[in-house]
Amino acid sequence: MMYDIRHRTTFTYEDVVSVSHHVLHLSPRRHPRQRALETAMLIDPSPAVDSQGSDYFGNPVHYLTVQEPHDQLVVEARSRIDVQPLPASIDLGASERWVETRESLAAAADDTMLQAFQFVFDSPYSVADEDVRDYALQSFVGDRPVLEAAMDLTSRIYGEFEYRGGVSDVSTPVRDVFDMRKGVCQDFAHLEIACLRSLGLAARYVSGYLRTRPPEGKEKLVGADASHAWLSVWCGSNGWVDFDPTNNVIPNVEHITIGWGRDYGDVSPINGFIVGGGAHQVAVAVDVNPA
C-alpha cells in the first residue's frame, strides 16, 4: 500500500521569537516492510541551519535553527510511503514461552540481544509499579507463549480502558492512566510498555500514523487524521512484533512508522527551545491518503 502523508504544525507566538532551535522526527523510518519514496520538509520562515541525520535509535532526524525574528513558525512534512503487508499471519501460540524470552534477554549473549535488552528498563514516560506488574501477570501466567500473552494484554487494555481525549497529555504518568482507566493512544502504549518491562521483557514505543476511514457516505476532512502510537515486543526468534492496544490489532499495512524509542520523549515529532515568544498556541493537521 502506498500513502501520501502531510503533517503540518503551526506555532503561533504571543511575542516575537528571536531565535529557535528544533529537532524533528517527521521523516518516516525505513524497515523491512516500509520504505520512503519521497520526503520533503517545508519550513516558514526559512531556517538558517538545516541538516539531517539519525538519532541513537536509527530514526531519521532533522535539525533546524531559525534566526529570523518571527511570531509564527510553520513546519510541514510531506512523504510518500510504501508499506508492505506482513508476510504471513503470526501464530501467537507457537512463539517461545515468555519466561524463556525474559531469561534470554537477561543473558544478552550477542549484540542483537544486547540491543533488545536496553528496552527492558523503565524510561521517563513509562514507569511501572507493583499494581501495573500484577495487572500484566494476569496475562503472563505459567509458561504461556510470549506473543499469545502479549496479545491478551493488548486486548485487555483495549477492553478495560476508555479512549478519551483531554484527560491526559504525553507526560501523564502511567500510574495516573492506570487509575483513571482512560486516555489516548500514547497513554495506552506507555501503559502496555510498562507492563511488559515490569516482567523483564523488552518493549519499545512506536510513533507513526494510522490510516483512518470516514463514516460511510461522508467525505474525509482535510487535516482530520492524527499521529498515532503503538508498541513493539521483543519475542526472541520472532524478533520485534508490533501491538496496538488502542485498536486491539497487530499493526499491518494501515500503520505507518515514523520511528521508535524507549517512549514518546525519544520520538517527539517536534522538540527544541525558543528565545522569546511568550505564550503560544499549536495547531496540527495530518492527512494520510492512499496514493
Protein backbone atom coordinates (compact mmCIF):
# COMPACT_ATOMS: atom_id res chain seq x y z
CA MET A 1 0.00 0.00 0.00
CA MET A 2 1.32 3.42 -0.96
CA TYR A 3 0.44 6.57 1.02
CA ASP A 4 0.85 10.30 0.66
CA ILE A 5 1.31 11.89 4.10
CA ARG A 6 1.16 15.56 5.04
CA HIS A 7 1.89 16.65 8.61
CA ARG A 8 1.58 20.41 9.16
CA THR A 9 2.33 22.07 12.51
CA THR A 10 1.77 25.77 13.10
CA PHE A 11 3.19 27.55 16.16
CA THR A 12 1.67 30.99 16.83
CA TYR A 13 3.52 33.08 19.43
CA GLU A 14 2.24 35.91 21.59
CA ASP A 15 5.55 37.78 21.27
CA VAL A 16 8.35 37.74 18.72
CA VAL A 17 10.76 34.78 18.80
CA SER A 18 14.31 35.96 18.10
CA VAL A 19 15.83 32.52 17.56
CA SER A 20 14.60 28.92 17.76
CA HIS A 21 16.24 25.51 17.57
CA HIS A 22 14.25 22.38 16.75
CA VAL A 23 14.70 18.64 16.39
CA LEU A 24 12.14 16.98 14.11
CA HIS A 25 11.08 13.34 13.99
CA LEU A 26 8.79 13.68 10.97
CA SER A 27 10.54 11.64 8.26
CA PRO A 28 9.36 8.00 8.04
CA ARG A 29 11.77 5.31 9.09
CA ARG A 30 12.86 2.58 6.70
CA HIS A 31 12.32 -1.00 7.87
CA PRO A 32 11.85 -4.36 6.11
CA ARG A 33 8.18 -3.63 5.30
CA GLN A 34 8.39 0.11 4.74
CA ARG A 35 10.33 2.46 2.51
CA ALA A 36 10.11 6.20 1.97
CA LEU A 37 9.92 7.02 -1.74
CA GLU A 38 9.84 10.81 -1.31
CA THR A 39 10.23 13.15 1.64
CA ALA A 40 10.25 16.93 1.84
CA MET A 41 10.32 19.42 4.70
CA LEU A 42 8.81 22.89 4.21
CA ILE A 43 9.74 25.46 6.88
CA ASP A 44 8.47 29.04 7.14
CA PRO A 45 10.37 31.20 7.92
CA SER A 46 13.31 29.51 6.24
CA PRO A 47 15.90 28.17 8.70
CA ALA A 48 19.47 29.48 8.75
CA VAL A 49 20.67 25.99 9.70
CA ASP A 50 19.04 22.90 8.19
CA SER A 51 20.64 19.47 8.49
CA GLN A 52 19.65 15.81 8.65
CA GLY A 53 20.96 12.73 10.38
CA SER A 54 19.99 9.75 12.54
CA ASP A 55 19.40 9.60 16.27
CA TYR A 56 20.67 6.96 18.70
CA PHE A 57 17.88 4.56 17.73
CA GLY A 58 18.49 4.95 13.98
CA ASN A 59 15.46 7.14 13.32
CA PRO A 60 15.72 9.88 10.68
CA VAL A 61 16.06 13.24 12.40
CA HIS A 62 16.00 16.81 11.11
CA TYR A 63 17.79 19.70 12.86
CA LEU A 64 16.94 23.33 12.16
CA THR A 65 17.66 26.77 13.52
CA VAL A 66 15.51 29.80 12.67
CA GLN A 67 17.39 33.06 13.33
CA GLU A 68 14.91 35.41 11.68
CA PRO A 69 12.55 37.11 14.16
CA HIS A 70 9.11 35.56 13.82
CA ASP A 71 5.75 35.30 15.57
CA GLN A 72 4.68 32.19 13.68
CA LEU A 73 6.51 29.03 12.64
CA VAL A 74 5.09 26.54 10.15
CA VAL A 75 6.64 23.09 9.77
CA GLU A 76 5.16 20.88 7.08
CA ALA A 77 6.45 17.37 6.34
CA ARG A 78 5.38 15.59 3.18
CA SER A 79 6.14 11.95 2.41
CA ARG A 80 5.22 9.19 0.01
CA ILE A 81 5.49 5.83 1.73
CA ASP A 82 5.29 2.24 0.50
CA VAL A 83 4.10 -0.18 3.22
CA GLN A 84 4.13 -3.90 2.57
CA PRO A 85 1.82 -6.36 4.40
CA LEU A 86 3.05 -8.85 6.95
CA PRO A 87 4.46 -11.87 5.11
CA ALA A 88 2.05 -14.26 6.85
CA SER A 89 -0.32 -14.43 9.77
CA ILE A 90 1.50 -14.82 13.06
CA ASP A 91 0.90 -18.00 15.04
CA LEU A 92 0.78 -16.49 18.51
CA GLY A 93 0.65 -19.85 20.27
CA ALA A 94 3.79 -21.11 18.51
CA SER A 95 6.06 -18.41 19.97
CA GLU A 96 8.55 -19.23 22.71
CA ARG A 97 7.50 -19.18 26.36
CA TRP A 98 7.60 -15.72 27.89
CA VAL A 99 9.87 -16.83 30.73
CA GLU A 100 12.37 -18.13 28.18
CA THR A 101 12.27 -14.75 26.42
CA ARG A 102 12.94 -12.97 29.70
CA GLU A 103 15.85 -15.28 30.52
CA SER A 104 17.48 -14.91 27.11
CA LEU A 105 17.17 -11.11 27.36
CA ALA A 106 18.85 -11.10 30.76
CA ALA A 107 21.70 -13.22 29.40
CA ALA A 108 22.22 -10.83 26.43
CA ALA A 109 24.50 -13.35 24.73
CA ASP A 110 25.01 -11.41 21.47
CA ASP A 111 24.72 -7.92 20.02
CA THR A 112 21.12 -8.46 18.89
CA MET A 113 20.01 -9.47 22.36
CA LEU A 114 22.00 -6.62 23.91
CA GLN A 115 20.24 -4.11 21.64
CA ALA A 116 16.88 -5.53 22.71
CA PHE A 117 17.87 -5.65 26.39
CA GLN A 118 18.13 -1.84 26.59
CA PHE A 119 14.34 -1.71 26.23
CA VAL A 120 13.76 -3.74 29.41
CA PHE A 121 14.19 -0.82 31.79
CA ASP A 122 11.85 1.94 32.94
CA SER A 123 12.06 5.19 30.98
CA PRO A 124 10.86 8.73 31.84
CA TYR A 125 7.36 8.34 30.36
CA SER A 126 6.87 4.64 31.12
CA VAL A 127 7.38 3.66 34.75
CA ALA A 128 5.78 0.60 36.34
CA ASP A 129 4.81 -0.17 39.91
CA GLU A 130 3.55 -3.30 41.68
CA ASP A 131 -0.07 -2.75 40.62
CA VAL A 132 0.94 -2.46 36.98
CA ARG A 133 3.06 -5.60 37.30
CA ASP A 134 0.19 -7.51 38.88
CA TYR A 135 -2.06 -6.36 36.04
CA ALA A 136 0.46 -7.69 33.49
CA LEU A 137 0.78 -11.03 35.28
CA GLN A 138 -2.90 -11.74 34.66
CA SER A 139 -1.93 -12.27 31.00
CA PHE A 140 1.54 -13.71 31.53
CA VAL A 141 0.65 -16.81 33.50
CA GLY A 142 2.66 -20.00 33.78
CA ASP A 143 4.67 -20.82 30.69
CA ARG A 144 2.32 -19.11 28.25
CA PRO A 145 3.75 -18.23 24.79
CA VAL A 146 5.05 -14.67 24.81
CA LEU A 147 3.08 -13.48 21.75
CA GLU A 148 -0.15 -15.06 22.95
CA ALA A 149 0.27 -13.35 26.33
CA ALA A 150 1.13 -10.00 24.71
CA MET A 151 -1.98 -10.18 22.54
CA ASP A 152 -4.09 -10.98 25.60
CA LEU A 153 -2.65 -7.97 27.43
CA THR A 154 -3.32 -5.79 24.37
CA SER A 155 -6.94 -6.96 24.25
CA ARG A 156 -7.46 -6.36 27.95
CA ILE A 157 -6.21 -2.77 27.74
CA TYR A 158 -8.45 -2.24 24.71
CA GLY A 159 -11.48 -3.63 26.53
CA GLU A 160 -10.91 -2.22 30.02
CA PHE A 161 -9.66 1.31 29.23
CA GLU A 162 -11.72 4.05 27.62
CA TYR A 163 -10.32 6.07 24.74
CA ARG A 164 -10.93 9.70 25.70
CA GLY A 165 -9.05 12.81 24.71
CA GLY A 166 -8.49 15.75 27.02
CA VAL A 167 -7.96 13.75 30.22
CA SER A 168 -4.20 13.37 29.80
CA ASP A 169 -1.16 14.56 27.90
CA VAL A 170 2.02 12.80 26.81
CA SER A 171 3.63 13.39 30.19
CA THR A 172 0.77 11.87 32.23
CA PRO A 173 2.30 9.14 34.45
CA VAL A 174 1.38 5.53 33.75
CA ARG A 175 0.09 5.30 37.32
CA ASP A 176 -2.50 8.02 36.63
CA VAL A 177 -3.63 6.37 33.39
CA PHE A 178 -3.93 3.06 35.22
CA ASP A 179 -6.09 4.64 37.94
CA MET A 180 -8.30 6.66 35.53
CA ARG A 181 -8.78 3.72 33.14
CA LYS A 182 -8.89 6.20 30.26
CA GLY A 183 -6.57 8.06 27.93
CA VAL A 184 -5.35 8.13 24.32
CA CYS A 185 -3.02 6.06 22.16
CA GLN A 186 0.21 7.38 23.72
CA ASP A 187 -1.12 6.55 27.19
CA PHE A 188 -2.10 3.01 26.25
CA ALA A 189 1.27 2.40 24.57
CA HIS A 190 3.14 3.68 27.63
CA LEU A 191 0.97 1.53 29.91
CA GLU A 192 1.49 -1.68 27.97
CA ILE A 193 5.22 -0.98 27.67
CA ALA A 194 5.40 -0.51 31.45
CA CYS A 195 3.51 -3.78 31.97
CA LEU A 196 5.90 -5.72 29.77
CA ARG A 197 9.06 -4.18 31.20
CA SER A 198 7.87 -4.89 34.76
CA LEU A 199 8.16 -8.59 33.84
CA GLY A 200 11.67 -8.26 32.41
CA LEU A 201 10.53 -8.18 28.78
CA ALA A 202 11.72 -5.70 26.16
CA ALA A 203 9.20 -3.26 24.72
CA ARG A 204 9.70 -0.12 22.64
CA TYR A 205 7.44 2.80 21.77
CA VAL A 206 6.49 3.27 18.10
CA SER A 207 5.40 6.62 16.70
CA GLY A 208 3.63 6.93 13.37
CA TYR A 209 0.31 7.30 11.63
CA LEU A 210 -2.81 5.24 11.17
CA ARG A 211 -4.94 5.31 8.06
CA THR A 212 -8.45 6.32 9.09
CA ARG A 213 -11.68 5.94 7.15
CA PRO A 214 -14.55 8.45 7.16
CA PRO A 215 -18.07 7.30 8.02
CA GLU A 216 -19.91 5.69 5.12
CA GLY A 217 -21.26 8.32 2.74
CA LYS A 218 -19.08 11.08 4.22
CA GLU A 219 -16.02 12.72 2.71
CA LYS A 220 -12.75 12.65 4.59
CA LEU A 221 -11.98 16.01 6.20
CA VAL A 222 -8.67 17.59 5.26
CA GLY A 223 -6.26 17.50 8.21
CA ALA A 224 -8.54 15.30 10.29
CA ASP A 225 -6.04 12.46 10.76
CA ALA A 226 -3.61 12.43 13.67
CA SER A 227 -0.36 10.97 14.86
CA HIS A 228 -0.64 7.51 16.37
CA ALA A 229 1.35 5.37 18.79
CA TRP A 230 1.72 1.68 19.49
CA LEU A 231 4.49 -0.63 20.72
CA SER A 232 6.78 -3.48 19.76
CA VAL A 233 7.62 -6.50 21.92
CA TRP A 234 10.84 -8.49 21.62
CA CYS A 235 9.87 -12.11 21.04
CA GLY A 236 13.15 -13.98 20.61
CA SER A 237 13.15 -15.97 17.38
CA ASN A 238 10.23 -13.85 16.12
CA GLY A 239 12.18 -10.64 16.60
CA TRP A 240 10.15 -7.49 17.21
CA VAL A 241 6.37 -7.79 16.85
CA ASP A 242 4.04 -4.77 16.95
CA PHE A 243 0.84 -4.49 19.01
CA ASP A 244 -1.72 -1.67 19.02
CA PRO A 245 -3.73 -1.59 22.28
CA THR A 246 -5.82 1.36 21.09
CA ASN A 247 -7.32 -0.76 18.30
CA ASN A 248 -6.63 -4.31 19.57
CA VAL A 249 -4.67 -5.32 16.47
CA ILE A 250 -1.25 -6.39 15.28
CA PRO A 251 -0.30 -3.46 13.01
CA ASN A 252 -0.14 -4.20 9.30
CA VAL A 253 -0.45 -2.09 6.14
CA GLU A 254 -2.57 0.67 7.71
CA HIS A 255 0.10 1.60 10.29
CA ILE A 256 2.91 3.85 9.01
CA THR A 257 6.04 4.04 11.16
CA ILE A 258 7.93 7.28 11.79
CA GLY A 259 10.32 5.98 14.44
CA TRP A 260 10.79 4.14 17.71
CA GLY A 261 12.48 4.60 21.05
CA ARG A 262 12.03 4.00 24.76
CA ASP A 263 8.93 6.23 24.95
CA TYR A 264 7.35 9.36 23.46
CA GLY A 265 10.23 11.53 24.59
CA ASP A 266 12.64 9.81 22.19
CA VAL A 267 10.47 10.34 19.09
CA SER A 268 8.52 13.53 19.81
CA PRO A 269 7.55 14.97 16.38
CA ILE A 270 8.92 18.45 17.16
CA ASN A 271 11.18 19.30 20.08
CA GLY A 272 13.56 22.11 20.91
CA PHE A 273 13.67 25.56 22.51
CA ILE A 274 12.98 29.19 21.65
CA VAL A 275 14.22 32.60 22.78
CA GLY A 276 11.25 34.89 23.38
CA GLY A 277 7.76 34.10 22.15
CA GLY A 278 5.83 34.21 25.43
CA ALA A 279 2.65 32.15 25.38
CA HIS A 280 1.97 30.20 22.21
CA GLN A 281 -0.60 28.03 20.50
CA VAL A 282 0.00 24.90 18.44
CA ALA A 283 -2.22 23.66 15.60
CA VAL A 284 -1.56 20.29 13.98
CA ALA A 285 -3.14 18.92 10.80
CA VAL A 286 -2.36 15.45 9.46
CA ASP A 287 -3.51 13.82 6.23
CA VAL A 288 -2.89 10.14 5.40
CA ASN A 289 -4.20 9.24 1.94
CA PRO A 290 -3.69 6.21 -0.29
CA ALA A 291 -1.56 7.35 -3.24
